[in-house]
């Protein structure tokens, strides 16, 4: 099947999900604006595609193929954002040899807009992460990592705002607790702040102060922890907060064919999505806005 036809069919097969408790009758082609969100997570330095003899993922993934797919989607809709939910580093000899330089250069060539930081992005130490920042022509966001007393101070913002076709999009980041996952000497004086509290603060700022039409959380908290209900996860966060339209997740390498719909604290729909790992899939979520900026969405996962 041709890539364009595949994109059209997978998008059409996704259910249109109302956000904010509103109906979908107002969405007509003449008045609707469409914003496309593309996303990856836990790519783990997988630059090349898997080989034809790979047992689990033959001929899948690879930055070059992802680039072609992204280019085709952007051609269909110029109002497209490309985001990453962390763990860019660690997993192949490319990282061992280049220390993250290649990953950031390639992401910059693909024109990523925003990324958050995963625990493995500290694997070459916080100084190693900082050293590669000049190669990243995109922004990093994290609301619950306080880098004030580190070399990363001022280089990571809590949130970023991007306007596409008159739609104001607020994007903030959340990271997992590093203690127990990463040696202290690797992340130094980075302070971990409560992700739920920071999510509530970020949504207040983005919704009330910044007047955003769409709020996205780039999360490296993990999709769900069935055996550890006390541990914060994307599903849990979605249910206890409000005003987050989409949580793009990472960390748990969870393969979802389409976003999970969670009722937030006000009974409205929040989408939670994650596309596994290693660049095998590309997440694609289309948001539709009517003339009153009511919104609906559909989403899918595209095999690269």
C-alpha atoms as a PDB file:
ATOM      1  CA  UNK A   1       0.000   0.000   0.000  1.00  0.00           C
ATOM      2  CA  UNK A   2       1.279   3.453  -0.824  1.00  0.00           C
ATOM      3  CA  UNK A   3       2.325   5.486   2.217  1.00  0.00           C
ATOM      4  CA  UNK A   4      -0.171   8.294   1.453  1.00  0.00           C
ATOM      5  CA  UNK A   5      -3.059   5.822   1.192  1.00  0.00           C
ATOM      6  CA  UNK A   6      -1.965   4.131   4.408  1.00  0.00           C
ATOM      7  CA  UNK A   7      -1.906   7.439   6.269  1.00  0.00           C
ATOM      8  CA  UNK A   8      -5.353   8.354   4.973  1.00  0.00           C
ATOM      9  CA  UNK A   9      -6.876   4.970   5.776  1.00  0.00           C
ATOM     10  CA  UNK A  10      -5.422   4.673   9.280  1.00  0.00           C
ATOM     11  CA  UNK A  11      -6.558   8.186  10.106  1.00  0.00           C
ATOM     12  CA  UNK A  12     -10.033   7.497   8.743  1.00  0.00           C
ATOM     13  CA  UNK A  13     -10.253   4.275  10.740  1.00  0.00           C
ATOM     14  CA  UNK A  14      -9.669   6.121  14.013  1.00  0.00           C
ATOM     15  CA  UNK A  15     -12.724   7.172  15.963  1.00  0.00           C
ATOM     16  CA  UNK A  16     -13.367  10.901  16.305  1.00  0.00           C
ATOM     17  CA  UNK A  17     -13.165  11.666  20.007  1.00  0.00           C
ATOM     18  CA  UNK A  18     -14.929  14.669  21.482  1.00  0.00           C
ATOM     19  CA  UNK A  19     -12.818  16.670  23.920  1.00  0.00           C
ATOM     20  CA  UNK A  20     -14.265  18.895  26.587  1.00  0.00           C
ATOM     21  CA  UNK A  21     -17.630  17.145  26.618  1.00  0.00           C
ATOM     22  CA  UNK A  22     -18.900  18.881  23.477  1.00  0.00           C
ATOM     23  CA  UNK A  23     -20.637  17.405  20.453  1.00  0.00           C
ATOM     24  CA  UNK A  24     -19.131  16.977  17.024  1.00  0.00           C
ATOM     25  CA  UNK A  25     -21.918  18.445  14.906  1.00  0.00           C
ATOM     26  CA  UNK A  26     -20.106  21.756  14.429  1.00  0.00           C
ATOM     27  CA  UNK A  27     -17.135  20.183  12.653  1.00  0.00           C
ATOM     28  CA  UNK A  28     -17.570  20.940   8.970  1.00  0.00           C
ATOM     29  CA  UNK A  29     -14.730  21.028   6.448  1.00  0.00           C
ATOM     30  CA  UNK A  30     -15.304  24.694   5.634  1.00  0.00           C
ATOM     31  CA  UNK A  31     -14.814  25.927   9.210  1.00  0.00           C
ATOM     32  CA  UNK A  32     -12.513  23.303  10.707  1.00  0.00           C
ATOM     33  CA  UNK A  33      -8.830  23.807  11.462  1.00  0.00           C
ATOM     34  CA  UNK A  34      -6.647  20.721  11.702  1.00  0.00           C
ATOM     35  CA  UNK A  35      -3.496  20.409  13.829  1.00  0.00           C
ATOM     36  CA  UNK A  36      -1.452  17.217  13.469  1.00  0.00           C
ATOM     37  CA  UNK A  37       0.749  15.992  16.322  1.00  0.00           C
ATOM     38  CA  UNK A  38       3.475  13.482  15.416  1.00  0.00           C
ATOM     39  CA  UNK A  39       5.455  11.886  18.212  1.00  0.00           C
ATOM     40  CA  UNK A  40       8.093   9.362  19.237  1.00  0.00           C
ATOM     41  CA  UNK A  41       9.439   8.065  22.537  1.00  0.00           C
ATOM     42  CA  UNK A  42      12.246   5.831  23.789  1.00  0.00           C
ATOM     43  CA  UNK A  43      14.063   5.767  20.455  1.00  0.00           C
ATOM     44  CA  UNK A  44      17.228   4.803  22.381  1.00  0.00           C
ATOM     45  CA  UNK A  45      19.791   5.742  19.721  1.00  0.00           C
ATOM     46  CA  UNK A  46      18.260   3.456  17.075  1.00  0.00           C
ATOM     47  CA  UNK A  47      19.463   5.261  13.968  1.00  0.00           C
ATOM     48  CA  UNK A  48      19.311   2.357  11.510  1.00  0.00           C
ATOM     49  CA  UNK A  49      16.307   0.233  10.632  1.00  0.00           C
ATOM     50  CA  UNK A  50      16.161  -3.298  12.007  1.00  0.00           C
ATOM     51  CA  UNK A  51      17.533  -5.846   9.560  1.00  0.00           C
ATOM     52  CA  UNK A  52      15.418  -8.288   7.523  1.00  0.00           C
ATOM     53  CA  UNK A  53      16.460 -11.172   9.769  1.00  0.00           C
ATOM     54  CA  UNK A  54      15.569  -9.484  13.050  1.00  0.00           C
ATOM     55  CA  UNK A  55      13.237 -11.797  14.940  1.00  0.00           C
ATOM     56  CA  UNK A  56      10.845  -9.208  16.339  1.00  0.00           C
ATOM     57  CA  UNK A  57      11.029  -6.098  14.169  1.00  0.00           C
ATOM     58  CA  UNK A  58      12.299  -7.053  10.691  1.00  0.00           C
ATOM     59  CA  UNK A  59      12.726  -4.099   8.309  1.00  0.00           C
ATOM     60  CA  UNK A  60      11.121  -1.691  10.781  1.00  0.00           C
ATOM     61  CA  UNK A  61      12.215   1.669  12.166  1.00  0.00           C
ATOM     62  CA  UNK A  62      15.166   3.780  11.090  1.00  0.00           C
ATOM     63  CA  UNK A  63      15.570   7.550  10.987  1.00  0.00           C
ATOM     64  CA  UNK A  64      15.603   7.739   7.164  1.00  0.00           C
ATOM     65  CA  UNK A  65      12.234   5.998   6.860  1.00  0.00           C
ATOM     66  CA  UNK A  66      10.783   8.108   9.644  1.00  0.00           C
ATOM     67  CA  UNK A  67      11.962  11.231   7.826  1.00  0.00           C
ATOM     68  CA  UNK A  68      10.177  10.182   4.629  1.00  0.00           C
ATOM     69  CA  UNK A  69       6.969   9.469   6.517  1.00  0.00           C
ATOM     70  CA  UNK A  70       7.099  12.776   8.403  1.00  0.00           C
ATOM     71  CA  UNK A  71       7.743  14.666   5.172  1.00  0.00           C
ATOM     72  CA  UNK A  72       4.660  13.098   3.558  1.00  0.00           C
ATOM     73  CA  UNK A  73       2.453  14.003   6.524  1.00  0.00           C
ATOM     74  CA  UNK A  74       3.750  17.582   6.651  1.00  0.00           C
ATOM     75  CA  UNK A  75       3.035  17.929   2.947  1.00  0.00           C
ATOM     76  CA  UNK A  76      -0.583  16.967   3.595  1.00  0.00           C
ATOM     77  CA  UNK A  77      -0.865  19.279   6.600  1.00  0.00           C
ATOM     78  CA  UNK A  78       1.724  22.039   7.137  1.00  0.00           C
ATOM     79  CA  UNK A  79       0.214  22.640  10.598  1.00  0.00           C
ATOM     80  CA  UNK A  80       2.115  19.705  12.082  1.00  0.00           C
ATOM     81  CA  UNK A  81       4.210  19.424  15.242  1.00  0.00           C
ATOM     82  CA  UNK A  82       6.865  16.769  15.914  1.00  0.00           C
ATOM     83  CA  UNK A  83       7.487  15.868  19.571  1.00  0.00           C
ATOM     84  CA  UNK A  84       9.524  13.355  21.593  1.00  0.00           C
ATOM     85  CA  UNK A  85       8.884  12.022  25.104  1.00  0.00           C
ATOM     86  CA  UNK A  86      12.441  11.211  26.168  1.00  0.00           C
ATOM     87  CA  UNK A  87      15.057   8.463  26.336  1.00  0.00           C
ATOM     88  CA  UNK A  88      16.647   9.680  23.147  1.00  0.00           C
ATOM     89  CA  UNK A  89      20.002   8.267  24.282  1.00  0.00           C
ATOM     90  CA  UNK A  90      21.446   4.815  25.039  1.00  0.00           C
ATOM     91  CA  UNK A  91      20.880   1.549  23.225  1.00  0.00           C
ATOM     92  CA  UNK A  92      23.275   1.263  20.265  1.00  0.00           C
ATOM     93  CA  UNK A  93      26.998   1.843  19.598  1.00  0.00           C
ATOM     94  CA  UNK A  94      26.110   5.187  18.018  1.00  0.00           C
ATOM     95  CA  UNK A  95      25.565   6.573  21.507  1.00  0.00           C
ATOM     96  CA  UNK A  96      28.649   4.877  22.929  1.00  0.00           C
ATOM     97  CA  UNK A  97      30.803   6.419  20.212  1.00  0.00           C
ATOM     98  CA  UNK A  98      29.228   9.842  19.576  1.00  0.00           C
ATOM     99  CA  UNK A  99      27.708  10.529  23.001  1.00  0.00           C
ATOM    100  CA  UNK A 100      24.363  11.760  21.649  1.00  0.00           C
ATOM    101  CA  UNK A 101      25.671  14.134  18.973  1.00  0.00           C
ATOM    102  CA  UNK A 102      24.271  12.077  16.112  1.00  0.00           C
ATOM    103  CA  UNK A 103      20.853  11.676  17.727  1.00  0.00           C
ATOM    104  CA  UNK A 104      20.433  15.423  18.261  1.00  0.00           C
ATOM    105  CA  UNK A 105      21.727  16.295  14.788  1.00  0.00           C
ATOM    106  CA  UNK A 106      19.311  13.897  13.118  1.00  0.00           C
ATOM    107  CA  UNK A 107      16.356  15.060  15.219  1.00  0.00           C
ATOM    108  CA  UNK A 108      17.243  18.608  14.222  1.00  0.00           C
ATOM    109  CA  UNK A 109      17.276  17.596  10.545  1.00  0.00           C
ATOM    110  CA  UNK A 110      13.841  16.026  11.028  1.00  0.00           C
ATOM    111  CA  UNK A 111      12.796  19.372  12.532  1.00  0.00           C
ATOM    112  CA  UNK A 112      11.560  18.193  15.899  1.00  0.00           C
ATOM    113  CA  UNK A 113       9.814  21.024  17.727  1.00  0.00           C
ATOM    114  CA  UNK A 114       9.978  19.984  21.388  1.00  0.00           C
ATOM    115  CA  UNK A 115      11.273  17.065  23.488  1.00  0.00           C
ATOM    116  CA  UNK A 116      11.363  16.169  27.155  1.00  0.00           C
ATOM    117  CA  UNK A 117      14.121  14.409  29.103  1.00  0.00           C
ATOM    118  CA  UNK A 118      14.109  10.720  30.027  1.00  0.00           C
ATOM    119  CA  UNK A 119      16.200   8.954  32.661  1.00  0.00           C
ATOM    120  CA  UNK A 120      18.558   7.443  30.059  1.00  0.00           C
ATOM    121  CA  UNK A 121      19.359  10.893  28.725  1.00  0.00           C
ATOM    122  CA  UNK A 122      21.562  11.218  31.831  1.00  0.00           C
ATOM    123  CA  UNK A 123      23.556   8.073  30.972  1.00  0.00           C
ATOM    124  CA  UNK A 124      26.552  10.120  29.864  1.00  0.00           C
ATOM    125  CA  UNK A 125      26.049  12.384  32.915  1.00  0.00           C
ATOM    126  CA  UNK A 126      24.313  15.741  33.032  1.00  0.00           C
ATOM    127  CA  UNK A 127      27.519  17.306  31.711  1.00  0.00           C
ATOM    128  CA  UNK A 128      27.392  14.886  28.773  1.00  0.00           C
ATOM    129  CA  UNK A 129      23.804  15.912  28.045  1.00  0.00           C
ATOM    130  CA  UNK A 130      24.730  19.585  28.293  1.00  0.00           C
ATOM    131  CA  UNK A 131      27.691  19.117  25.946  1.00  0.00           C
ATOM    132  CA  UNK A 132      25.371  17.902  23.171  1.00  0.00           C
ATOM    133  CA  UNK A 133      22.826  20.739  23.435  1.00  0.00           C
ATOM    134  CA  UNK A 134      24.467  22.832  20.676  1.00  0.00           C
ATOM    135  CA  UNK A 135      23.515  20.048  18.247  1.00  0.00           C
ATOM    136  CA  UNK A 136      19.811  20.225  19.222  1.00  0.00           C
ATOM    137  CA  UNK A 137      17.898  22.766  17.140  1.00  0.00           C
ATOM    138  CA  UNK A 138      14.733  22.109  19.128  1.00  0.00           C
ATOM    139  CA  UNK A 139      13.569  22.927  22.656  1.00  0.00           C
ATOM    140  CA  UNK A 140      13.564  20.786  25.795  1.00  0.00           C
ATOM    141  CA  UNK A 141      10.777  21.143  28.348  1.00  0.00           C
ATOM    142  CA  UNK A 142      10.568  19.791  31.894  1.00  0.00           C
ATOM    143  CA  UNK A 143       8.396  21.253  34.629  1.00  0.00           C
ATOM    144  CA  UNK A 144       9.410  18.901  37.442  1.00  0.00           C
ATOM    145  CA  UNK A 145      13.200  18.718  37.005  1.00  0.00           C
ATOM    146  CA  UNK A 146      14.699  21.728  38.750  1.00  0.00           C
ATOM    147  CA  UNK A 147      18.083  22.288  37.101  1.00  0.00           C
ATOM    148  CA  UNK A 148      18.848  25.530  38.977  1.00  0.00           C
ATOM    149  CA  UNK A 149      22.113  24.306  40.507  1.00  0.00           C
ATOM    150  CA  UNK A 150      23.346  22.403  37.449  1.00  0.00           C
ATOM    151  CA  UNK A 151      24.918  23.141  34.061  1.00  0.00           C
ATOM    152  CA  UNK A 152      21.458  22.666  32.513  1.00  0.00           C
ATOM    153  CA  UNK A 153      20.099  25.752  34.277  1.00  0.00           C
ATOM    154  CA  UNK A 154      18.208  28.031  31.824  1.00  0.00           C
ATOM    155  CA  UNK A 155      18.565  25.451  29.028  1.00  0.00           C
ATOM    156  CA  UNK A 156      15.324  23.612  29.860  1.00  0.00           C
ATOM    157  CA  UNK A 157      12.032  25.491  30.147  1.00  0.00           C
ATOM    158  CA  UNK A 158       8.906  24.276  31.995  1.00  0.00           C
ATOM    159  CA  UNK A 159       6.793  24.762  28.876  1.00  0.00           C
ATOM    160  CA  UNK A 160       6.806  26.016  25.308  1.00  0.00           C
ATOM    161  CA  UNK A 161       4.035  27.726  23.356  1.00  0.00           C
ATOM    162  CA  UNK A 162       3.658  27.281  19.598  1.00  0.00           C
ATOM    163  CA  UNK A 163       0.982  28.872  17.416  1.00  0.00           C
ATOM    164  CA  UNK A 164      -0.191  27.014  14.299  1.00  0.00           C
ATOM    165  CA  UNK A 165      -2.951  28.402  12.065  1.00  0.00           C
ATOM    166  CA  UNK A 166      -4.155  30.640  14.883  1.00  0.00           C
ATOM    167  CA  UNK A 167      -4.325  27.745  17.370  1.00  0.00           C
ATOM    168  CA  UNK A 168      -2.258  28.344  20.531  1.00  0.00           C
ATOM    169  CA  UNK A 169      -0.599  25.120  21.689  1.00  0.00           C
ATOM    170  CA  UNK A 170       1.025  24.785  25.117  1.00  0.00           C
ATOM    171  CA  UNK A 171       3.499  21.935  25.665  1.00  0.00           C
ATOM    172  CA  UNK A 172       5.009  21.063  29.043  1.00  0.00           C
ATOM    173  CA  UNK A 173       7.237  18.205  30.193  1.00  0.00           C
ATOM    174  CA  UNK A 174       7.328  15.783  33.127  1.00  0.00           C
ATOM    175  CA  UNK A 175      10.129  13.370  34.056  1.00  0.00           C
ATOM    176  CA  UNK A 176      10.292  10.264  36.194  1.00  0.00           C
ATOM    177  CA  UNK A 177      11.996  10.254  39.593  1.00  0.00           C
ATOM    178  CA  UNK A 178      15.702   9.695  38.943  1.00  0.00           C
ATOM    179  CA  UNK A 179      16.599   8.333  42.387  1.00  0.00           C
ATOM    180  CA  UNK A 180      16.873   4.557  42.039  1.00  0.00           C
ATOM    181  CA  UNK A 181      17.059   4.688  38.238  1.00  0.00           C
ATOM    182  CA  UNK A 182      20.124   6.884  37.728  1.00  0.00           C
ATOM    183  CA  UNK A 183      23.233   7.218  39.864  1.00  0.00           C
ATOM    184  CA  UNK A 184      23.306  10.479  41.786  1.00  0.00           C
ATOM    185  CA  UNK A 185      26.672  11.410  40.312  1.00  0.00           C
ATOM    186  CA  UNK A 186      25.102  11.376  36.843  1.00  0.00           C
ATOM    187  CA  UNK A 187      22.315  13.887  37.512  1.00  0.00           C
ATOM    188  CA  UNK A 188      24.122  15.862  40.252  1.00  0.00           C
ATOM    189  CA  UNK A 189      21.966  18.545  41.907  1.00  0.00           C
ATOM    190  CA  UNK A 190      18.900  18.035  39.728  1.00  0.00           C
ATOM    191  CA  UNK A 191      15.873  18.316  42.037  1.00  0.00           C
ATOM    192  CA  UNK A 192      12.798  16.166  41.392  1.00  0.00           C
ATOM    193  CA  UNK A 193       9.489  17.981  41.942  1.00  0.00           C
ATOM    194  CA  UNK A 194       6.112  16.291  42.368  1.00  0.00           C
ATOM    195  CA  UNK A 195       4.760  15.684  38.835  1.00  0.00           C
ATOM    196  CA  UNK A 196       1.088  15.945  39.823  1.00  0.00           C
ATOM    197  CA  UNK A 197       1.577  19.304  41.497  1.00  0.00           C
ATOM    198  CA  UNK A 198       3.623  20.600  38.588  1.00  0.00           C
ATOM    199  CA  UNK A 199       1.067  19.335  36.052  1.00  0.00           C
ATOM    200  CA  UNK A 200      -1.675  21.199  37.898  1.00  0.00           C
ATOM    201  CA  UNK A 201       0.442  24.358  37.965  1.00  0.00           C
ATOM    202  CA  UNK A 202       1.355  24.071  34.288  1.00  0.00           C
ATOM    203  CA  UNK A 203      -2.228  23.557  33.159  1.00  0.00           C
ATOM    204  CA  UNK A 204      -3.325  26.551  35.226  1.00  0.00           C
ATOM    205  CA  UNK A 205      -0.656  28.733  33.633  1.00  0.00           C
ATOM    206  CA  UNK A 206      -1.274  27.467  30.106  1.00  0.00           C
ATOM    207  CA  UNK A 207      -5.078  27.541  30.309  1.00  0.00           C
ATOM    208  CA  UNK A 208      -5.755  30.626  32.413  1.00  0.00           C
ATOM    209  CA  UNK A 209      -2.707  32.852  31.962  1.00  0.00           C
ATOM    210  CA  UNK A 210      -1.554  31.928  28.455  1.00  0.00           C
ATOM    211  CA  UNK A 211      -5.060  31.147  27.083  1.00  0.00           C
ATOM    212  CA  UNK A 212      -3.914  28.053  25.181  1.00  0.00           C
ATOM    213  CA  UNK A 213      -6.384  26.262  22.919  1.00  0.00           C
ATOM    214  CA  UNK A 214      -4.569  22.910  23.156  1.00  0.00           C
ATOM    215  CA  UNK A 215      -2.474  21.595  26.070  1.00  0.00           C
ATOM    216  CA  UNK A 216      -0.029  18.714  25.617  1.00  0.00           C
ATOM    217  CA  UNK A 217       2.047  16.998  28.289  1.00  0.00           C
ATOM    218  CA  UNK A 218       5.270  15.280  27.205  1.00  0.00           C
ATOM    219  CA  UNK A 219       5.658  12.672  29.915  1.00  0.00           C
ATOM    220  CA  UNK A 220       8.398  10.211  30.781  1.00  0.00           C
ATOM    221  CA  UNK A 221       6.498   8.896  33.795  1.00  0.00           C
ATOM    222  CA  UNK A 222       5.329   5.613  32.253  1.00  0.00           C
ATOM    223  CA  UNK A 223       1.931   4.504  30.923  1.00  0.00           C
ATOM    224  CA  UNK A 224       0.638   2.439  33.874  1.00  0.00           C
ATOM    225  CA  UNK A 225       1.861   0.440  36.895  1.00  0.00           C
ATOM    226  CA  UNK A 226      -0.732  -2.199  37.737  1.00  0.00           C
ATOM    227  CA  UNK A 227       1.296  -3.741  40.535  1.00  0.00           C
ATOM    228  CA  UNK A 228       2.253  -0.358  42.018  1.00  0.00           C
ATOM    229  CA  UNK A 229      -0.953   1.688  42.233  1.00  0.00           C
ATOM    230  CA  UNK A 230       0.772   4.290  44.411  1.00  0.00           C
ATOM    231  CA  UNK A 231       3.219   5.148  41.595  1.00  0.00           C
ATOM    232  CA  UNK A 232       2.279   8.063  39.350  1.00  0.00           C
ATOM    233  CA  UNK A 233       1.693   7.125  35.712  1.00  0.00           C
ATOM    234  CA  UNK A 234       0.201   8.734  32.632  1.00  0.00           C
ATOM    235  CA  UNK A 235      -3.167   7.070  33.155  1.00  0.00           C
ATOM    236  CA  UNK A 236      -3.261   8.124  36.792  1.00  0.00           C
ATOM    237  CA  UNK A 237      -2.145  11.664  35.987  1.00  0.00           C
ATOM    238  CA  UNK A 238      -4.835  12.011  33.319  1.00  0.00           C
ATOM    239  CA  UNK A 239      -7.535  11.037  35.807  1.00  0.00           C
ATOM    240  CA  UNK A 240      -6.578  13.415  38.623  1.00  0.00           C
ATOM    241  CA  UNK A 241      -5.831  16.574  36.612  1.00  0.00           C
ATOM    242  CA  UNK A 242      -7.821  18.813  34.284  1.00  0.00           C
ATOM    243  CA  UNK A 243      -7.297  20.739  31.044  1.00  0.00           C
ATOM    244  CA  UNK A 244      -4.673  18.367  29.584  1.00  0.00           C
ATOM    245  CA  UNK A 245      -5.873  17.394  26.119  1.00  0.00           C
ATOM    246  CA  UNK A 246      -3.086  14.936  25.300  1.00  0.00           C
ATOM    247  CA  UNK A 247      -0.407  13.101  27.280  1.00  0.00           C
ATOM    248  CA  UNK A 248       2.375  11.764  25.069  1.00  0.00           C
ATOM    249  CA  UNK A 249       4.157   9.153  27.149  1.00  0.00           C
ATOM    250  CA  UNK A 250       7.381   7.221  27.362  1.00  0.00           C
ATOM    251  CA  UNK A 251       9.537   5.082  29.667  1.00  0.00           C
ATOM    252  CA  UNK A 252       7.442   1.872  29.768  1.00  0.00           C
ATOM    253  CA  UNK A 253       7.851   1.064  26.040  1.00  0.00           C
ATOM    254  CA  UNK A 254       4.091   0.585  25.745  1.00  0.00           C
ATOM    255  CA  UNK A 255       2.818  -0.092  22.219  1.00  0.00           C
ATOM    256  CA  UNK A 256      -0.635   1.425  21.720  1.00  0.00           C
ATOM    257  CA  UNK A 257      -2.482   1.143  18.408  1.00  0.00           C
ATOM    258  CA  UNK A 258      -4.471   4.261  19.251  1.00  0.00           C
ATOM    259  CA  UNK A 259      -4.707   6.663  22.193  1.00  0.00           C
ATOM    260  CA  UNK A 260      -6.368   5.629  25.438  1.00  0.00           C
ATOM    261  CA  UNK A 261      -9.256   7.884  26.475  1.00  0.00           C
ATOM    262  CA  UNK A 262      -9.307   8.778  30.195  1.00  0.00           C
ATOM    263  CA  UNK A 263     -11.917  10.862  32.015  1.00  0.00           C
ATOM    264  CA  UNK A 264     -10.172  13.691  33.840  1.00  0.00           C
ATOM    265  CA  UNK A 265     -11.149  15.209  37.194  1.00  0.00           C
ATOM    266  CA  UNK A 266     -13.944  17.170  35.496  1.00  0.00           C
ATOM    267  CA  UNK A 267     -15.282  14.206  33.537  1.00  0.00           C
ATOM    268  CA  UNK A 268     -13.830  15.410  30.238  1.00  0.00           C
ATOM    269  CA  UNK A 269     -11.735  13.330  27.867  1.00  0.00           C
ATOM    270  CA  UNK A 270      -7.930  13.270  27.996  1.00  0.00           C
ATOM    271  CA  UNK A 271      -5.990  11.282  25.406  1.00  0.00           C
ATOM    272  CA  UNK A 272      -2.974   9.218  26.497  1.00  0.00           C
ATOM    273  CA  UNK A 273      -0.677   7.798  23.844  1.00  0.00           C
ATOM    274  CA  UNK A 274       2.666   6.007  23.605  1.00  0.00           C
ATOM    275  CA  UNK A 275       4.264   4.287  20.611  1.00  0.00           C
ATOM    276  CA  UNK A 276       6.544   1.644  22.098  1.00  0.00           C
ATOM    277  CA  UNK A 277      10.248   2.160  21.495  1.00  0.00           C
ATOM    278  CA  UNK A 278      13.233   2.172  19.093  1.00  0.00           C
ATOM    279  CA  UNK A 279      11.522   4.314  16.451  1.00  0.00           C
ATOM    280  CA  UNK A 280       9.441   1.383  15.237  1.00  0.00           C
ATOM    281  CA  UNK A 281       6.223   3.419  15.289  1.00  0.00           C
ATOM    282  CA  UNK A 282       5.288   7.033  14.754  1.00  0.00           C
ATOM    283  CA  UNK A 283       2.337   8.408  16.693  1.00  0.00           C
ATOM    284  CA  UNK A 284      -0.110  10.586  14.754  1.00  0.00           C
ATOM    285  CA  UNK A 285      -2.959  12.488  16.371  1.00  0.00           C
ATOM    286  CA  UNK A 286      -5.136  14.954  14.492  1.00  0.00           C
ATOM    287  CA  UNK A 287      -6.948  17.670  16.429  1.00  0.00           C
ATOM    288  CA  UNK A 288      -9.881  19.430  14.796  1.00  0.00           C
ATOM    289  CA  UNK A 289     -11.084  22.878  15.884  1.00  0.00           C
ATOM    290  CA  UNK A 290     -14.377  24.454  14.845  1.00  0.00           C
ATOM    291  CA  UNK A 291     -14.936  28.196  14.515  1.00  0.00           C
ATOM    292  CA  UNK A 292     -15.511  28.456  18.288  1.00  0.00           C
ATOM    293  CA  UNK A 293     -12.322  26.456  18.983  1.00  0.00           C
ATOM    294  CA  UNK A 294     -14.242  23.464  20.288  1.00  0.00           C
ATOM    295  CA  UNK A 295     -12.067  20.452  19.567  1.00  0.00           C
ATOM    296  CA  UNK A 296     -12.164  16.787  18.675  1.00  0.00           C
ATOM    297  CA  UNK A 297      -9.388  14.347  17.866  1.00  0.00           C
ATOM    298  CA  UNK A 298      -8.487  11.036  16.315  1.00  0.00           C
ATOM    299  CA  UNK A 299      -5.228   9.150  16.585  1.00  0.00           C
ATOM    300  CA  UNK A 300      -3.320   6.132  15.405  1.00  0.00           C
ATOM    301  CA  UNK A 301       0.101   4.518  15.452  1.00  0.00           C
ATOM    302  CA  UNK A 302       1.902   4.169  12.127  1.00  0.00           C
ATOM    303  CA  UNK A 303       4.508   1.434  11.635  1.00  0.00           C
ATOM    304  CA  UNK A 304       7.737   2.871  10.258  1.00  0.00           C
END
